[in-house]
Amino acid sequence: MQIQVTINDTPFTATIEDTTAGQELLARLPITFSMEELHGNEKYCYTGDSFGGEMYVPDTIEAGDLMVFGSDCLVLFYETFANDGWSYARVGKIDDPSGLAEACGAGTATVTFSSLD
């Protein structure tokens, strides 16, 4: 299912996967988070609500990947890099990550997940 992800007023579409974590995000729409910067490649926030789902260790994290770390840390990656063994539950992916890093900016980003109109 496709949704809209608005990052600091820049809209993107994302495809949410048919995973437990993906379905749980869909059930919470619309929702806005203030996402913090980490490592120059991702934005994250602790949602306060647990996500379920099978954890896996991807070899490569791709720009646009949307995942859950631990049980309640939603992560949006805006750069592609080799994963160093971290486990995630898959939520979905930004369909076209062109301009994603610029939209995320260097500091905290306001990110809204909503249905497509």
N, C-alpha and C. Protein backbone atom coordinates (compact mmCIF):
# COMPACT_ATOMS: atom_id res chain seq x y z
N MET A 1 0.83 -1.17 0.00
CA MET A 1 0.00 0.00 0.00
C MET A 1 0.88 1.24 0.00
N GLN A 2 0.49 2.24 -0.76
CA GLN A 2 1.25 3.48 -0.81
C GLN A 2 0.66 4.51 0.15
N ILE A 3 1.56 5.27 0.78
CA ILE A 3 1.18 6.36 1.66
C ILE A 3 2.00 7.58 1.29
N GLN A 4 1.65 8.70 1.90
CA GLN A 4 2.45 9.90 1.74
C GLN A 4 3.32 10.07 2.98
N VAL A 5 4.58 10.42 2.75
CA VAL A 5 5.51 10.75 3.82
C VAL A 5 5.98 12.17 3.55
N THR A 6 5.66 13.08 4.45
CA THR A 6 6.05 14.48 4.28
C THR A 6 7.16 14.78 5.26
N ILE A 7 8.31 15.17 4.71
CA ILE A 7 9.49 15.45 5.52
C ILE A 7 9.81 16.92 5.40
N ASN A 8 9.68 17.64 6.51
CA ASN A 8 9.93 19.09 6.51
C ASN A 8 9.25 19.76 5.32
N ASP A 9 7.98 19.48 5.12
CA ASP A 9 7.14 20.06 4.07
C ASP A 9 7.41 19.54 2.66
N THR A 10 8.28 18.54 2.49
CA THR A 10 8.53 17.96 1.17
C THR A 10 7.84 16.60 1.11
N PRO A 11 6.88 16.42 0.18
CA PRO A 11 6.14 15.16 0.11
C PRO A 11 6.88 14.08 -0.71
N PHE A 12 6.76 12.86 -0.24
CA PHE A 12 7.26 11.66 -0.92
C PHE A 12 6.16 10.62 -0.85
N THR A 13 6.17 9.65 -1.76
CA THR A 13 5.31 8.49 -1.60
C THR A 13 6.18 7.34 -1.11
N ALA A 14 5.56 6.47 -0.35
CA ALA A 14 6.25 5.29 0.17
C ALA A 14 5.33 4.09 0.00
N THR A 15 5.94 2.95 -0.23
CA THR A 15 5.19 1.70 -0.28
C THR A 15 5.42 0.98 1.04
N ILE A 16 4.32 0.70 1.74
CA ILE A 16 4.39 -0.01 3.00
C ILE A 16 4.22 -1.50 2.71
N GLU A 17 5.13 -2.27 3.27
CA GLU A 17 5.13 -3.71 3.01
C GLU A 17 4.08 -4.42 3.86
N ASP A 18 3.70 -5.58 3.41
CA ASP A 18 2.73 -6.41 4.12
C ASP A 18 3.46 -7.21 5.20
N THR A 19 3.99 -6.47 6.17
CA THR A 19 4.65 -7.05 7.33
C THR A 19 3.89 -6.61 8.57
N THR A 20 4.16 -7.24 9.68
CA THR A 20 3.50 -6.83 10.92
C THR A 20 3.79 -5.38 11.22
N ALA A 21 5.05 -4.97 11.15
CA ALA A 21 5.42 -3.58 11.45
C ALA A 21 4.77 -2.62 10.45
N GLY A 22 4.74 -3.00 9.19
CA GLY A 22 4.11 -2.17 8.17
C GLY A 22 2.62 -1.98 8.44
N GLN A 23 1.93 -3.06 8.75
CA GLN A 23 0.50 -2.98 9.04
C GLN A 23 0.23 -2.16 10.30
N GLU A 24 1.11 -2.27 11.28
CA GLU A 24 0.93 -1.50 12.50
C GLU A 24 1.13 -0.01 12.25
N LEU A 25 2.05 0.37 11.37
CA LEU A 25 2.19 1.78 11.02
C LEU A 25 0.94 2.27 10.31
N LEU A 26 0.42 1.49 9.36
CA LEU A 26 -0.79 1.88 8.64
C LEU A 26 -1.96 2.11 9.60
N ALA A 27 -2.06 1.30 10.63
CA ALA A 27 -3.16 1.43 11.59
C ALA A 27 -3.07 2.72 12.40
N ARG A 28 -1.90 3.35 12.42
CA ARG A 28 -1.70 4.57 13.23
C ARG A 28 -1.81 5.86 12.42
N LEU A 29 -2.05 5.74 11.11
CA LEU A 29 -2.10 6.94 10.26
C LEU A 29 -3.32 7.79 10.57
N PRO A 30 -3.25 9.10 10.43
CA PRO A 30 -2.04 9.88 10.19
C PRO A 30 -1.28 10.08 11.50
N ILE A 31 0.03 10.21 11.39
CA ILE A 31 0.86 10.40 12.58
C ILE A 31 2.09 11.23 12.21
N THR A 32 2.49 12.10 13.11
CA THR A 32 3.65 12.96 12.89
C THR A 32 4.67 12.73 13.99
N PHE A 33 5.94 12.67 13.59
CA PHE A 33 7.04 12.48 14.54
C PHE A 33 8.09 13.56 14.33
N SER A 34 8.75 13.91 15.40
CA SER A 34 9.95 14.72 15.33
C SER A 34 11.10 13.70 15.35
N MET A 35 11.81 13.60 14.24
CA MET A 35 12.84 12.56 14.11
C MET A 35 14.23 13.19 14.20
N GLU A 36 15.05 12.60 15.05
CA GLU A 36 16.40 13.10 15.31
C GLU A 36 17.40 12.54 14.30
N GLU A 37 18.49 13.25 14.15
CA GLU A 37 19.59 12.86 13.26
C GLU A 37 20.48 11.83 13.94
N LEU A 38 21.00 10.88 13.15
CA LEU A 38 21.96 9.91 13.66
C LEU A 38 22.89 9.48 12.54
N HIS A 39 24.18 9.57 12.77
CA HIS A 39 25.23 9.05 11.89
C HIS A 39 25.31 9.68 10.50
N GLY A 40 24.60 10.75 10.25
CA GLY A 40 24.63 11.37 8.93
C GLY A 40 24.00 10.53 7.84
N ASN A 41 23.13 9.56 8.24
CA ASN A 41 22.48 8.72 7.23
C ASN A 41 21.04 8.33 7.59
N GLU A 42 20.57 8.76 8.75
CA GLU A 42 19.24 8.34 9.17
C GLU A 42 18.59 9.34 10.10
N LYS A 43 17.26 9.26 10.15
CA LYS A 43 16.44 9.98 11.13
C LYS A 43 15.73 8.91 11.94
N TYR A 44 15.58 9.15 13.25
CA TYR A 44 14.93 8.15 14.10
C TYR A 44 14.09 8.83 15.17
N CYS A 45 13.15 8.07 15.70
CA CYS A 45 12.40 8.52 16.87
C CYS A 45 11.87 7.29 17.61
N TYR A 46 11.76 7.45 18.92
CA TYR A 46 11.12 6.43 19.74
C TYR A 46 9.64 6.78 19.80
N THR A 47 8.81 5.87 19.32
CA THR A 47 7.38 6.16 19.16
C THR A 47 6.59 6.02 20.45
N GLY A 48 7.12 5.27 21.41
CA GLY A 48 6.38 5.02 22.64
C GLY A 48 5.42 3.85 22.53
N ASP A 49 5.21 3.35 21.31
CA ASP A 49 4.35 2.19 21.06
C ASP A 49 5.18 1.12 20.37
N SER A 50 5.07 -0.09 20.84
CA SER A 50 5.84 -1.18 20.25
C SER A 50 5.30 -1.59 18.89
N PHE A 51 6.22 -1.97 18.02
CA PHE A 51 5.90 -2.57 16.73
C PHE A 51 6.28 -4.03 16.81
N GLY A 52 5.48 -4.89 16.20
CA GLY A 52 5.83 -6.29 16.10
C GLY A 52 6.57 -6.53 14.80
N GLY A 53 6.85 -7.76 14.55
CA GLY A 53 7.46 -8.11 13.27
C GLY A 53 8.76 -8.86 13.40
N GLU A 54 9.05 -9.58 12.36
CA GLU A 54 10.26 -10.38 12.31
C GLU A 54 11.46 -9.49 12.05
N MET A 55 12.49 -9.65 12.86
CA MET A 55 13.72 -8.89 12.70
C MET A 55 14.63 -9.61 11.70
N TYR A 56 15.38 -8.83 10.94
CA TYR A 56 16.36 -9.39 10.03
C TYR A 56 17.55 -8.44 9.95
N VAL A 57 18.66 -8.94 9.44
CA VAL A 57 19.88 -8.15 9.32
C VAL A 57 20.16 -7.95 7.83
N PRO A 58 19.80 -6.79 7.28
CA PRO A 58 20.08 -6.54 5.86
C PRO A 58 21.57 -6.31 5.64
N ASP A 59 22.09 -6.78 4.52
CA ASP A 59 23.49 -6.54 4.19
C ASP A 59 23.72 -5.06 3.88
N THR A 60 22.77 -4.48 3.16
CA THR A 60 22.86 -3.09 2.76
C THR A 60 21.58 -2.37 3.16
N ILE A 61 21.75 -1.19 3.73
CA ILE A 61 20.63 -0.30 4.02
C ILE A 61 20.56 0.66 2.83
N GLU A 62 19.39 0.83 2.26
CA GLU A 62 19.25 1.69 1.09
C GLU A 62 18.54 2.98 1.46
N ALA A 63 18.91 4.06 0.77
CA ALA A 63 18.21 5.33 0.96
C ALA A 63 16.73 5.11 0.74
N GLY A 64 15.93 5.56 1.68
CA GLY A 64 14.48 5.40 1.60
C GLY A 64 13.94 4.27 2.45
N ASP A 65 14.80 3.39 2.96
CA ASP A 65 14.31 2.30 3.80
C ASP A 65 13.67 2.85 5.07
N LEU A 66 12.54 2.29 5.42
CA LEU A 66 11.82 2.63 6.63
C LEU A 66 11.72 1.36 7.46
N MET A 67 12.30 1.39 8.67
CA MET A 67 12.39 0.18 9.49
C MET A 67 12.17 0.51 10.95
N VAL A 68 12.01 -0.55 11.73
CA VAL A 68 11.93 -0.42 13.18
C VAL A 68 13.15 -1.09 13.78
N PHE A 69 13.82 -0.36 14.67
CA PHE A 69 14.96 -0.89 15.42
C PHE A 69 14.46 -1.17 16.83
N GLY A 70 14.81 -2.32 17.38
CA GLY A 70 14.28 -2.68 18.69
C GLY A 70 12.79 -2.89 18.58
N SER A 71 12.05 -2.36 19.54
CA SER A 71 10.60 -2.55 19.48
C SER A 71 9.83 -1.28 19.15
N ASP A 72 10.45 -0.11 19.37
CA ASP A 72 9.67 1.12 19.19
C ASP A 72 10.46 2.28 18.59
N CYS A 73 11.55 1.99 17.92
CA CYS A 73 12.37 3.04 17.31
C CYS A 73 12.17 3.00 15.79
N LEU A 74 11.42 3.97 15.28
CA LEU A 74 11.16 4.07 13.85
C LEU A 74 12.34 4.79 13.21
N VAL A 75 12.87 4.21 12.13
CA VAL A 75 14.06 4.75 11.48
C VAL A 75 13.80 4.95 9.99
N LEU A 76 14.15 6.13 9.51
CA LEU A 76 14.09 6.46 8.08
C LEU A 76 15.51 6.73 7.61
N PHE A 77 16.01 5.88 6.72
CA PHE A 77 17.37 6.03 6.21
C PHE A 77 17.35 6.89 4.95
N TYR A 78 18.25 7.87 4.88
CA TYR A 78 18.30 8.74 3.71
C TYR A 78 19.60 8.59 2.92
N GLU A 79 20.47 7.69 3.33
CA GLU A 79 21.70 7.37 2.60
C GLU A 79 21.84 5.85 2.52
N THR A 80 22.47 5.37 1.46
CA THR A 80 22.74 3.94 1.29
C THR A 80 24.11 3.63 1.91
N PHE A 81 24.19 2.51 2.63
CA PHE A 81 25.46 2.11 3.25
C PHE A 81 25.41 0.62 3.61
N ALA A 82 26.58 0.06 3.85
CA ALA A 82 26.68 -1.34 4.28
C ALA A 82 26.29 -1.42 5.76
N ASN A 83 25.39 -2.34 6.08
CA ASN A 83 24.95 -2.53 7.46
C ASN A 83 26.04 -3.26 8.23
N ASP A 84 26.19 -2.86 9.50
CA ASP A 84 27.23 -3.45 10.35
C ASP A 84 26.63 -4.44 11.34
N GLY A 85 25.62 -5.21 10.89
CA GLY A 85 25.07 -6.27 11.72
C GLY A 85 23.86 -5.90 12.55
N TRP A 86 23.29 -4.71 12.35
CA TRP A 86 22.11 -4.30 13.11
C TRP A 86 20.85 -4.98 12.58
N SER A 87 19.93 -5.32 13.48
CA SER A 87 18.68 -5.99 13.13
C SER A 87 17.52 -5.00 13.10
N TYR A 88 16.63 -5.19 12.13
CA TYR A 88 15.48 -4.32 11.95
C TYR A 88 14.25 -5.13 11.56
N ALA A 89 13.08 -4.54 11.81
CA ALA A 89 11.83 -5.06 11.26
C ALA A 89 11.46 -4.15 10.09
N ARG A 90 11.16 -4.72 8.96
CA ARG A 90 10.88 -3.97 7.74
C ARG A 90 9.48 -3.35 7.79
N VAL A 91 9.40 -2.06 7.45
CA VAL A 91 8.13 -1.35 7.39
C VAL A 91 7.78 -1.03 5.94
N GLY A 92 8.73 -0.44 5.22
CA GLY A 92 8.48 -0.05 3.83
C GLY A 92 9.65 0.72 3.27
N LYS A 93 9.37 1.49 2.21
CA LYS A 93 10.44 2.20 1.52
C LYS A 93 9.88 3.40 0.78
N ILE A 94 10.62 4.51 0.83
CA ILE A 94 10.29 5.67 0.00
C ILE A 94 10.46 5.23 -1.45
N ASP A 95 9.44 5.47 -2.28
CA ASP A 95 9.47 4.97 -3.66
C ASP A 95 10.58 5.58 -4.50
N ASP A 96 10.79 6.88 -4.39
CA ASP A 96 11.85 7.56 -5.14
C ASP A 96 12.61 8.44 -4.15
N PRO A 97 13.79 7.98 -3.70
CA PRO A 97 14.51 8.73 -2.68
C PRO A 97 15.29 9.95 -3.21
N SER A 98 15.07 10.33 -4.47
CA SER A 98 15.73 11.53 -4.99
C SER A 98 15.32 12.73 -4.15
N GLY A 99 16.29 13.46 -3.64
CA GLY A 99 16.02 14.63 -2.82
C GLY A 99 15.72 14.32 -1.36
N LEU A 100 15.77 13.05 -0.98
CA LEU A 100 15.44 12.66 0.39
C LEU A 100 16.42 13.24 1.40
N ALA A 101 17.71 13.14 1.14
CA ALA A 101 18.73 13.67 2.06
C ALA A 101 18.55 15.17 2.26
N GLU A 102 18.27 15.88 1.18
CA GLU A 102 18.08 17.32 1.27
C GLU A 102 16.84 17.66 2.09
N ALA A 103 15.76 16.91 1.90
CA ALA A 103 14.53 17.14 2.65
C ALA A 103 14.74 16.87 4.14
N CYS A 104 15.51 15.84 4.45
CA CYS A 104 15.76 15.49 5.85
C CYS A 104 16.58 16.56 6.57
N GLY A 105 17.52 17.17 5.85
CA GLY A 105 18.35 18.20 6.45
C GLY A 105 19.33 17.64 7.47
N ALA A 106 20.02 18.53 8.15
CA ALA A 106 21.08 18.13 9.07
C ALA A 106 20.61 17.90 10.49
N GLY A 107 19.50 18.50 10.89
CA GLY A 107 19.05 18.36 12.27
C GLY A 107 17.79 17.56 12.40
N THR A 108 16.98 17.93 13.35
CA THR A 108 15.70 17.27 13.58
C THR A 108 14.76 17.53 12.40
N ALA A 109 14.02 16.50 12.01
CA ALA A 109 13.07 16.62 10.90
C ALA A 109 11.66 16.31 11.41
N THR A 110 10.70 17.06 10.91
CA THR A 110 9.30 16.76 11.18
C THR A 110 8.81 15.87 10.06
N VAL A 111 8.35 14.67 10.42
CA VAL A 111 7.95 13.67 9.43
C VAL A 111 6.52 13.23 9.72
N THR A 112 5.66 13.41 8.70
CA THR A 112 4.26 13.02 8.80
C THR A 112 3.98 11.86 7.85
N PHE A 113 3.35 10.84 8.38
CA PHE A 113 2.92 9.67 7.61
C PHE A 113 1.41 9.77 7.48
N SER A 114 0.88 9.76 6.26
CA SER A 114 -0.55 9.89 6.05
C SER A 114 -0.99 9.12 4.81
N SER A 115 -2.30 8.92 4.71
CA SER A 115 -2.87 8.26 3.54
C SER A 115 -2.72 9.16 2.33
N LEU A 116 -2.64 8.55 1.15
CA LEU A 116 -2.66 9.34 -0.08
C LEU A 116 -4.08 9.81 -0.33
N ASP A 117 -4.24 11.04 -0.75
CA ASP A 117 -5.58 11.55 -1.02
C ASP A 117 -6.06 11.12 -2.38
